[in-house]
């Protein structure tokens, strides 16, 4: 019986150490997951910015107007990459309700007839693209905040 009394402080200490390590491991895992998700979010925002920049160059500044297919290929490649990142975010149990079809449609609709469009029509197209990009960014941000609320 004396050996139980002699070992009890060591057993209690070992138990507390194990509990502490488990808590630390859980916190580290949660923090690293949050950091990785933030990195994905930053990549998504960069892609959204790139799409916005391409659209401004096409619809307002007139670059690529001689070849709308070049603009479409560039934008569609960015949207494809955006879809891949959204899939990676969904694998983390973050489900933004996003349809990239609306973005694709707003970016490429009437792009082949750009030479026949007036400035106000071009600005309207660009405003539609901006609102769709903002909508996507907001939905992603809201979904991430639902998964990882502010403390």
N, C-alpha and C. Protein backbone atom coordinates (compact mmCIF):
# COMPACT_ATOMS: atom_id res chain seq x y z
N UNK A 1 0.81 -1.19 0.00
CA UNK A 1 0.00 0.00 0.00
C UNK A 1 0.86 1.26 0.00
N UNK A 2 1.99 1.17 0.62
CA UNK A 2 2.87 2.32 0.68
C UNK A 2 3.38 2.69 -0.71
N UNK A 3 3.57 1.71 -1.58
CA UNK A 3 4.08 2.00 -2.92
C UNK A 3 3.05 2.78 -3.74
N UNK A 4 1.74 2.55 -3.48
CA UNK A 4 0.69 3.30 -4.17
C UNK A 4 0.75 4.76 -3.75
N UNK A 5 0.93 5.00 -2.48
CA UNK A 5 1.02 6.37 -1.98
C UNK A 5 2.28 7.03 -2.53
N UNK A 6 3.36 6.27 -2.63
CA UNK A 6 4.61 6.84 -3.14
C UNK A 6 4.53 7.14 -4.63
N UNK A 7 3.78 6.33 -5.38
CA UNK A 7 3.67 6.53 -6.83
C UNK A 7 2.55 7.50 -7.24
N UNK A 8 1.62 7.77 -6.37
CA UNK A 8 0.47 8.59 -6.74
C UNK A 8 0.87 9.99 -7.23
N UNK A 9 1.80 10.71 -6.62
CA UNK A 9 2.17 12.01 -7.19
C UNK A 9 2.76 11.88 -8.60
N UNK A 10 3.53 10.85 -8.84
CA UNK A 10 4.10 10.65 -10.17
C UNK A 10 3.02 10.31 -11.18
N UNK A 11 2.07 9.47 -10.81
CA UNK A 11 0.97 9.12 -11.71
C UNK A 11 0.09 10.34 -12.01
N UNK A 12 -0.18 11.14 -10.99
CA UNK A 12 -0.99 12.34 -11.19
C UNK A 12 -0.25 13.31 -12.12
N UNK A 13 1.03 13.48 -11.91
CA UNK A 13 1.84 14.36 -12.76
C UNK A 13 1.84 13.87 -14.21
N UNK A 14 2.01 12.57 -14.39
CA UNK A 14 2.02 12.00 -15.74
C UNK A 14 0.66 12.19 -16.40
N UNK A 15 -0.40 12.02 -15.66
CA UNK A 15 -1.75 12.21 -16.19
C UNK A 15 -1.98 13.66 -16.61
N UNK A 16 -1.55 14.60 -15.78
CA UNK A 16 -1.69 16.01 -16.12
C UNK A 16 -0.86 16.39 -17.34
N UNK A 17 0.32 15.81 -17.47
CA UNK A 17 1.16 16.07 -18.64
C UNK A 17 0.47 15.55 -19.89
N UNK A 18 -0.10 14.36 -19.84
CA UNK A 18 -0.80 13.80 -21.00
C UNK A 18 -2.01 14.66 -21.40
N UNK A 19 -2.76 15.12 -20.40
CA UNK A 19 -3.91 15.98 -20.68
C UNK A 19 -3.43 17.29 -21.31
N UNK A 20 -2.36 17.85 -20.78
CA UNK A 20 -1.80 19.09 -21.34
C UNK A 20 -1.35 18.92 -22.77
N UNK A 21 -0.68 17.82 -23.07
CA UNK A 21 -0.22 17.57 -24.44
C UNK A 21 -1.41 17.42 -25.38
N UNK A 22 -2.46 16.77 -24.92
CA UNK A 22 -3.64 16.59 -25.76
C UNK A 22 -4.29 17.94 -26.07
N UNK A 23 -4.39 18.81 -25.07
CA UNK A 23 -4.96 20.14 -25.28
C UNK A 23 -4.09 20.95 -26.23
N UNK A 24 -2.78 20.91 -26.03
CA UNK A 24 -1.86 21.64 -26.91
C UNK A 24 -1.94 21.13 -28.35
N UNK A 25 -2.02 19.82 -28.51
CA UNK A 25 -2.12 19.24 -29.85
C UNK A 25 -3.41 19.69 -30.55
N UNK A 26 -4.51 19.67 -29.83
CA UNK A 26 -5.79 20.10 -30.40
C UNK A 26 -5.76 21.57 -30.81
N UNK A 27 -5.19 22.41 -29.98
CA UNK A 27 -5.09 23.84 -30.30
C UNK A 27 -4.17 24.07 -31.50
N UNK A 28 -3.05 23.39 -31.54
CA UNK A 28 -2.11 23.55 -32.66
C UNK A 28 -2.75 23.09 -33.97
N UNK A 29 -3.49 22.00 -33.90
CA UNK A 29 -4.15 21.49 -35.11
C UNK A 29 -5.20 22.48 -35.60
N UNK A 30 -5.96 23.04 -34.69
CA UNK A 30 -7.00 24.01 -35.05
C UNK A 30 -6.37 25.28 -35.63
N UNK A 31 -5.28 25.75 -35.03
CA UNK A 31 -4.61 26.96 -35.52
C UNK A 31 -4.00 26.72 -36.89
N UNK A 32 -3.38 25.57 -37.09
CA UNK A 32 -2.77 25.31 -38.41
C UNK A 32 -3.85 25.16 -39.48
N UNK A 33 -4.96 24.55 -39.14
CA UNK A 33 -6.06 24.41 -40.10
C UNK A 33 -6.61 25.79 -40.47
N UNK A 34 -6.74 26.63 -39.47
CA UNK A 34 -7.23 27.99 -39.73
C UNK A 34 -6.24 28.77 -40.59
N UNK A 35 -4.96 28.61 -40.34
CA UNK A 35 -3.94 29.30 -41.14
C UNK A 35 -3.93 28.82 -42.58
N UNK A 36 -4.07 27.52 -42.78
CA UNK A 36 -4.12 26.98 -44.14
C UNK A 36 -5.36 27.48 -44.87
N UNK A 37 -6.49 27.55 -44.17
CA UNK A 37 -7.71 28.05 -44.78
C UNK A 37 -7.56 29.53 -45.14
N UNK A 38 -6.90 30.27 -44.28
CA UNK A 38 -6.65 31.69 -44.57
C UNK A 38 -5.78 31.84 -45.82
N UNK A 39 -4.79 30.97 -45.96
CA UNK A 39 -3.93 31.01 -47.15
C UNK A 39 -4.75 30.73 -48.41
N UNK A 40 -5.68 29.77 -48.34
CA UNK A 40 -6.56 29.49 -49.48
C UNK A 40 -7.44 30.69 -49.79
N UNK A 41 -7.94 31.33 -48.74
CA UNK A 41 -8.77 32.52 -48.92
C UNK A 41 -7.98 33.63 -49.61
N UNK A 42 -6.73 33.81 -49.22
CA UNK A 42 -5.89 34.82 -49.85
C UNK A 42 -5.68 34.51 -51.34
N UNK A 43 -5.49 33.24 -51.67
CA UNK A 43 -5.34 32.85 -53.07
C UNK A 43 -6.62 33.12 -53.85
N UNK A 44 -7.77 32.83 -53.24
CA UNK A 44 -9.05 33.10 -53.88
C UNK A 44 -9.23 34.60 -54.13
N UNK A 45 -8.88 35.41 -53.15
CA UNK A 45 -9.01 36.86 -53.31
C UNK A 45 -8.09 37.37 -54.42
N UNK A 46 -6.90 36.81 -54.51
CA UNK A 46 -5.96 37.20 -55.57
C UNK A 46 -6.55 36.86 -56.94
N UNK A 47 -7.14 35.67 -57.06
CA UNK A 47 -7.76 35.30 -58.33
C UNK A 47 -8.94 36.21 -58.67
N UNK A 48 -9.74 36.54 -57.69
CA UNK A 48 -10.86 37.45 -57.92
C UNK A 48 -10.35 38.81 -58.38
N UNK A 49 -9.28 39.28 -57.77
CA UNK A 49 -8.68 40.54 -58.17
C UNK A 49 -8.15 40.46 -59.60
N UNK A 50 -7.51 39.35 -59.94
CA UNK A 50 -7.00 39.17 -61.30
C UNK A 50 -8.12 39.19 -62.33
N UNK A 51 -9.23 38.54 -62.01
CA UNK A 51 -10.39 38.53 -62.92
C UNK A 51 -10.93 39.95 -63.06
N UNK A 52 -11.00 40.66 -61.96
CA UNK A 52 -11.47 42.04 -62.00
C UNK A 52 -10.57 42.91 -62.87
N UNK A 53 -9.28 42.75 -62.69
CA UNK A 53 -8.31 43.53 -63.46
C UNK A 53 -8.41 43.21 -64.96
N UNK A 54 -8.49 41.91 -65.29
CA UNK A 54 -8.64 41.52 -66.70
C UNK A 54 -9.91 42.12 -67.31
N UNK A 55 -10.98 42.09 -66.55
CA UNK A 55 -12.25 42.60 -67.05
C UNK A 55 -12.19 44.11 -67.26
N UNK A 56 -11.56 44.82 -66.33
CA UNK A 56 -11.42 46.26 -66.50
C UNK A 56 -10.60 46.59 -67.74
N UNK A 57 -9.53 45.84 -67.93
CA UNK A 57 -8.68 46.07 -69.10
C UNK A 57 -9.46 45.80 -70.39
N UNK A 58 -10.28 44.77 -70.38
CA UNK A 58 -11.03 44.42 -71.59
C UNK A 58 -12.19 45.38 -71.83
N UNK A 59 -13.04 45.58 -70.82
CA UNK A 59 -14.28 46.32 -71.03
C UNK A 59 -14.08 47.83 -71.07
N UNK A 60 -13.12 48.36 -70.33
CA UNK A 60 -12.96 49.81 -70.26
C UNK A 60 -11.75 50.31 -71.06
N UNK A 61 -10.60 49.70 -70.83
CA UNK A 61 -9.38 50.20 -71.47
C UNK A 61 -9.24 49.75 -72.92
N UNK A 62 -9.94 48.70 -73.31
CA UNK A 62 -9.95 48.29 -74.71
C UNK A 62 -8.88 47.29 -75.10
N UNK A 63 -8.08 46.82 -74.14
CA UNK A 63 -7.10 45.78 -74.48
C UNK A 63 -7.85 44.49 -74.80
N UNK A 64 -7.30 43.70 -75.65
CA UNK A 64 -7.86 42.42 -76.10
C UNK A 64 -9.12 42.59 -76.94
N UNK A 65 -9.55 43.82 -77.23
CA UNK A 65 -10.76 44.01 -78.02
C UNK A 65 -10.61 43.46 -79.44
N UNK A 66 -9.41 43.46 -79.95
CA UNK A 66 -9.18 42.92 -81.29
C UNK A 66 -9.34 41.41 -81.31
N UNK A 67 -9.19 40.78 -80.12
CA UNK A 67 -9.31 39.33 -80.03
C UNK A 67 -10.02 38.95 -78.73
N UNK A 68 -11.35 39.03 -78.69
CA UNK A 68 -12.09 38.70 -77.47
C UNK A 68 -11.84 37.27 -76.98
N UNK A 69 -11.45 36.39 -77.89
CA UNK A 69 -11.20 35.01 -77.46
C UNK A 69 -10.00 34.94 -76.51
N UNK A 70 -9.04 35.83 -76.69
CA UNK A 70 -7.89 35.88 -75.77
C UNK A 70 -8.37 36.24 -74.36
N UNK A 71 -9.21 37.25 -74.27
CA UNK A 71 -9.79 37.63 -72.98
C UNK A 71 -10.57 36.47 -72.36
N UNK A 72 -11.38 35.83 -73.18
CA UNK A 72 -12.18 34.72 -72.66
C UNK A 72 -11.31 33.58 -72.14
N UNK A 73 -10.27 33.25 -72.87
CA UNK A 73 -9.37 32.17 -72.43
C UNK A 73 -8.71 32.54 -71.11
N UNK A 74 -8.24 33.77 -70.99
CA UNK A 74 -7.58 34.21 -69.76
C UNK A 74 -8.55 34.18 -68.58
N UNK A 75 -9.74 34.70 -68.78
CA UNK A 75 -10.73 34.74 -67.70
C UNK A 75 -11.20 33.33 -67.34
N UNK A 76 -11.44 32.50 -68.34
CA UNK A 76 -11.91 31.14 -68.05
C UNK A 76 -10.85 30.32 -67.33
N UNK A 77 -9.59 30.55 -67.64
CA UNK A 77 -8.52 29.87 -66.89
C UNK A 77 -8.51 30.30 -65.44
N UNK A 78 -8.71 31.58 -65.19
CA UNK A 78 -8.77 32.08 -63.81
C UNK A 78 -9.98 31.50 -63.08
N UNK A 79 -11.10 31.41 -63.77
CA UNK A 79 -12.31 30.86 -63.15
C UNK A 79 -12.13 29.36 -62.87
N UNK A 80 -11.45 28.68 -63.76
CA UNK A 80 -11.17 27.26 -63.54
C UNK A 80 -10.31 27.09 -62.29
N UNK A 81 -9.29 27.92 -62.14
CA UNK A 81 -8.43 27.87 -60.94
C UNK A 81 -9.24 28.23 -59.69
N UNK A 82 -10.15 29.19 -59.83
CA UNK A 82 -11.03 29.57 -58.73
C UNK A 82 -11.88 28.38 -58.29
N UNK A 83 -12.42 27.64 -59.25
CA UNK A 83 -13.22 26.45 -58.93
C UNK A 83 -12.39 25.40 -58.20
N UNK A 84 -11.14 25.23 -58.59
CA UNK A 84 -10.27 24.27 -57.92
C UNK A 84 -10.04 24.68 -56.47
N UNK A 85 -9.84 25.96 -56.22
CA UNK A 85 -9.64 26.42 -54.84
C UNK A 85 -10.93 26.30 -54.03
N UNK A 86 -12.06 26.52 -54.66
CA UNK A 86 -13.33 26.36 -53.95
C UNK A 86 -13.53 24.90 -53.56
N UNK A 87 -13.14 23.99 -54.43
CA UNK A 87 -13.22 22.57 -54.09
C UNK A 87 -12.33 22.26 -52.89
N UNK A 88 -11.14 22.84 -52.86
CA UNK A 88 -10.24 22.62 -51.72
C UNK A 88 -10.83 23.19 -50.43
N UNK A 89 -11.52 24.31 -50.54
CA UNK A 89 -12.16 24.89 -49.35
C UNK A 89 -13.32 24.01 -48.89
N UNK A 90 -14.06 23.47 -49.86
CA UNK A 90 -15.18 22.59 -49.49
C UNK A 90 -14.70 21.30 -48.84
N UNK A 91 -13.49 20.86 -49.16
CA UNK A 91 -12.92 19.68 -48.52
C UNK A 91 -12.62 19.94 -47.05
N UNK A 92 -12.58 21.20 -46.65
CA UNK A 92 -12.34 21.57 -45.26
C UNK A 92 -13.66 21.81 -44.51
N UNK A 93 -14.75 21.32 -45.06
CA UNK A 93 -16.09 21.47 -44.49
C UNK A 93 -16.52 22.93 -44.41
N UNK A 94 -16.09 23.72 -45.38
CA UNK A 94 -16.54 25.09 -45.52
C UNK A 94 -17.30 25.13 -46.84
N UNK A 95 -18.59 25.39 -46.76
CA UNK A 95 -19.42 25.28 -47.95
C UNK A 95 -20.01 26.62 -48.36
N UNK A 96 -19.24 27.41 -49.11
CA UNK A 96 -19.83 28.64 -49.64
C UNK A 96 -20.78 28.29 -50.78
N UNK A 97 -21.91 28.91 -50.79
CA UNK A 97 -22.91 28.64 -51.82
C UNK A 97 -22.59 29.49 -53.05
N UNK A 98 -21.67 28.97 -53.87
CA UNK A 98 -21.16 29.75 -55.00
C UNK A 98 -21.40 29.01 -56.30
N UNK A 99 -21.84 29.76 -57.29
CA UNK A 99 -21.94 29.23 -58.64
C UNK A 99 -21.03 30.06 -59.53
N UNK A 100 -19.99 29.45 -60.02
CA UNK A 100 -19.06 30.19 -60.88
C UNK A 100 -19.66 30.42 -62.27
N UNK A 101 -20.76 29.76 -62.55
CA UNK A 101 -21.41 29.98 -63.85
C UNK A 101 -21.84 31.43 -64.02
N UNK A 102 -22.38 32.02 -62.95
CA UNK A 102 -22.82 33.42 -63.03
C UNK A 102 -21.64 34.36 -63.29
N UNK A 103 -20.51 34.06 -62.67
CA UNK A 103 -19.31 34.86 -62.91
C UNK A 103 -18.85 34.70 -64.35
N UNK A 104 -18.82 33.46 -64.80
CA UNK A 104 -18.41 33.19 -66.18
C UNK A 104 -19.33 33.91 -67.17
N UNK A 105 -20.61 33.82 -66.91
CA UNK A 105 -21.59 34.46 -67.78
C UNK A 105 -21.40 35.98 -67.79
N UNK A 106 -21.23 36.56 -66.60
CA UNK A 106 -21.09 38.02 -66.56
C UNK A 106 -19.79 38.49 -67.20
N UNK A 107 -18.75 37.68 -67.16
CA UNK A 107 -17.47 38.07 -67.77
C UNK A 107 -17.48 37.94 -69.28
N UNK A 108 -18.12 36.91 -69.78
CA UNK A 108 -17.97 36.61 -71.21
C UNK A 108 -19.21 36.94 -72.06
N UNK A 109 -20.33 37.25 -71.42
CA UNK A 109 -21.54 37.54 -72.18
C UNK A 109 -21.33 38.80 -73.04
N UNK A 110 -21.61 38.70 -74.28
CA UNK A 110 -21.49 39.79 -75.25
C UNK A 110 -20.05 40.26 -75.47
N UNK A 111 -19.09 39.45 -75.11
CA UNK A 111 -17.71 39.89 -75.30
C UNK A 111 -17.32 39.95 -76.77
N UNK A 112 -17.94 39.12 -77.60
CA UNK A 112 -17.60 39.13 -79.03
C UNK A 112 -18.20 40.33 -79.76
N UNK A 113 -19.17 40.96 -79.13
CA UNK A 113 -19.77 42.13 -79.78
C UNK A 113 -19.31 43.42 -79.12
N UNK A 114 -18.16 43.40 -78.51
CA UNK A 114 -17.68 44.57 -77.77
C UNK A 114 -17.48 45.78 -78.67
N UNK A 115 -17.08 45.56 -79.89
CA UNK A 115 -16.81 46.68 -80.80
C UNK A 115 -18.09 47.44 -81.15
N UNK A 116 -19.23 46.79 -81.01
CA UNK A 116 -20.51 47.41 -81.34
C UNK A 116 -21.20 48.03 -80.13
N UNK A 117 -20.55 47.99 -78.98
CA UNK A 117 -21.18 48.46 -77.76
C UNK A 117 -20.67 49.85 -77.37
N UNK A 118 -21.55 50.62 -76.78
CA UNK A 118 -21.18 51.95 -76.32
C UNK A 118 -20.52 51.89 -74.95
N UNK A 119 -20.01 53.02 -74.53
CA UNK A 119 -19.31 53.08 -73.25
C UNK A 119 -20.23 52.74 -72.07
N UNK A 120 -21.48 53.19 -72.12
CA UNK A 120 -22.39 52.92 -71.00
C UNK A 120 -22.69 51.42 -70.90
N UNK A 121 -22.80 50.74 -72.02
CA UNK A 121 -23.04 49.29 -72.01
C UNK A 121 -21.83 48.56 -71.45
N UNK A 122 -20.65 49.01 -71.85
CA UNK A 122 -19.42 48.39 -71.33
C UNK A 122 -19.31 48.59 -69.82
N UNK A 123 -19.64 49.80 -69.35
CA UNK A 123 -19.60 50.05 -67.90
C UNK A 123 -20.62 49.19 -67.16
N UNK A 124 -21.77 48.97 -67.78
CA UNK A 124 -22.80 48.12 -67.17
C UNK A 124 -22.28 46.68 -67.04
N UNK A 125 -21.61 46.20 -68.08
CA UNK A 125 -21.02 44.86 -68.01
C UNK A 125 -20.00 44.79 -66.88
N UNK A 126 -19.17 45.80 -66.78
CA UNK A 126 -18.14 45.81 -65.75
C UNK A 126 -18.75 45.88 -64.35
N UNK A 127 -19.81 46.66 -64.18
CA UNK A 127 -20.49 46.72 -62.89
C UNK A 127 -21.09 45.37 -62.51
N UNK A 128 -21.63 44.67 -63.49
CA UNK A 128 -22.17 43.33 -63.24
C UNK A 128 -21.06 42.38 -62.80
N UNK A 129 -19.92 42.47 -63.45
CA UNK A 129 -18.78 41.62 -63.08
C UNK A 129 -18.32 41.97 -61.67
N UNK A 130 -18.21 43.26 -61.36
CA UNK A 130 -17.79 43.68 -60.01
C UNK A 130 -18.74 43.17 -58.94
N UNK A 131 -20.04 43.29 -59.19
CA UNK A 131 -21.00 42.83 -58.18
C UNK A 131 -20.92 41.32 -57.99
N UNK A 132 -20.71 40.58 -59.07
CA UNK A 132 -20.59 39.13 -58.95
C UNK A 132 -19.30 38.74 -58.19
N UNK A 133 -18.21 39.43 -58.48
CA UNK A 133 -16.96 39.16 -57.76
C UNK A 133 -17.11 39.48 -56.27
N UNK A 134 -17.74 40.60 -55.96
CA UNK A 134 -17.97 40.96 -54.55
C UNK A 134 -18.87 39.95 -53.86
N UNK A 135 -19.87 39.48 -54.57
CA UNK A 135 -20.79 38.48 -54.03
C UNK A 135 -20.04 37.18 -53.69
N UNK A 136 -19.17 36.75 -54.59
CA UNK A 136 -18.40 35.53 -54.35
C UNK A 136 -17.48 35.71 -53.15
N UNK A 137 -16.78 36.83 -53.11
CA UNK A 137 -15.87 37.06 -51.98
C UNK A 137 -16.63 37.10 -50.66
N UNK A 138 -17.80 37.74 -50.66
CA UNK A 138 -18.59 37.82 -49.43
C UNK A 138 -19.07 36.44 -48.98
N UNK A 139 -19.52 35.62 -49.93
CA UNK A 139 -20.00 34.29 -49.58
C UNK A 139 -18.87 33.41 -49.02
N UNK A 140 -17.69 33.52 -49.61
CA UNK A 140 -16.55 32.75 -49.10
C UNK A 140 -16.18 33.22 -47.71
N UNK A 141 -16.11 34.52 -47.53
CA UNK A 141 -15.77 35.08 -46.22
C UNK A 141 -16.78 34.67 -45.15
N UNK A 142 -18.07 34.74 -45.48
CA UNK A 142 -19.11 34.34 -44.53
C UNK A 142 -19.00 32.86 -44.17
N UNK A 143 -18.73 32.02 -45.16
CA UNK A 143 -18.61 30.58 -44.91
C UNK A 143 -17.42 30.28 -44.00
N UNK A 144 -16.32 30.97 -44.22
CA UNK A 144 -15.14 30.77 -43.37
C UNK A 144 -15.43 31.25 -41.95
N UNK A 145 -16.12 32.38 -41.82
CA UNK A 145 -16.43 32.90 -40.49
C UNK A 145 -17.42 32.00 -39.75
N UNK A 146 -18.28 31.31 -40.48
CA UNK A 146 -19.17 30.34 -39.82
C UNK A 146 -18.36 29.17 -39.26
N UNK A 147 -17.34 28.75 -40.00
CA UNK A 147 -16.50 27.63 -39.55
C UNK A 147 -15.54 28.08 -38.46
N UNK A 148 -14.92 29.23 -38.64
CA UNK A 148 -13.95 29.76 -37.68
C UNK A 148 -14.39 31.15 -37.21
N UNK A 149 -15.34 31.21 -36.27
CA UNK A 149 -15.80 32.52 -35.81
C UNK A 149 -14.71 33.27 -35.05
N UNK A 150 -14.86 34.59 -35.04
CA UNK A 150 -13.91 35.40 -34.28
C UNK A 150 -14.05 35.08 -32.80
N UNK A 151 -12.95 35.13 -32.13
CA UNK A 151 -12.96 34.80 -30.69
C UNK A 151 -13.29 36.03 -29.88
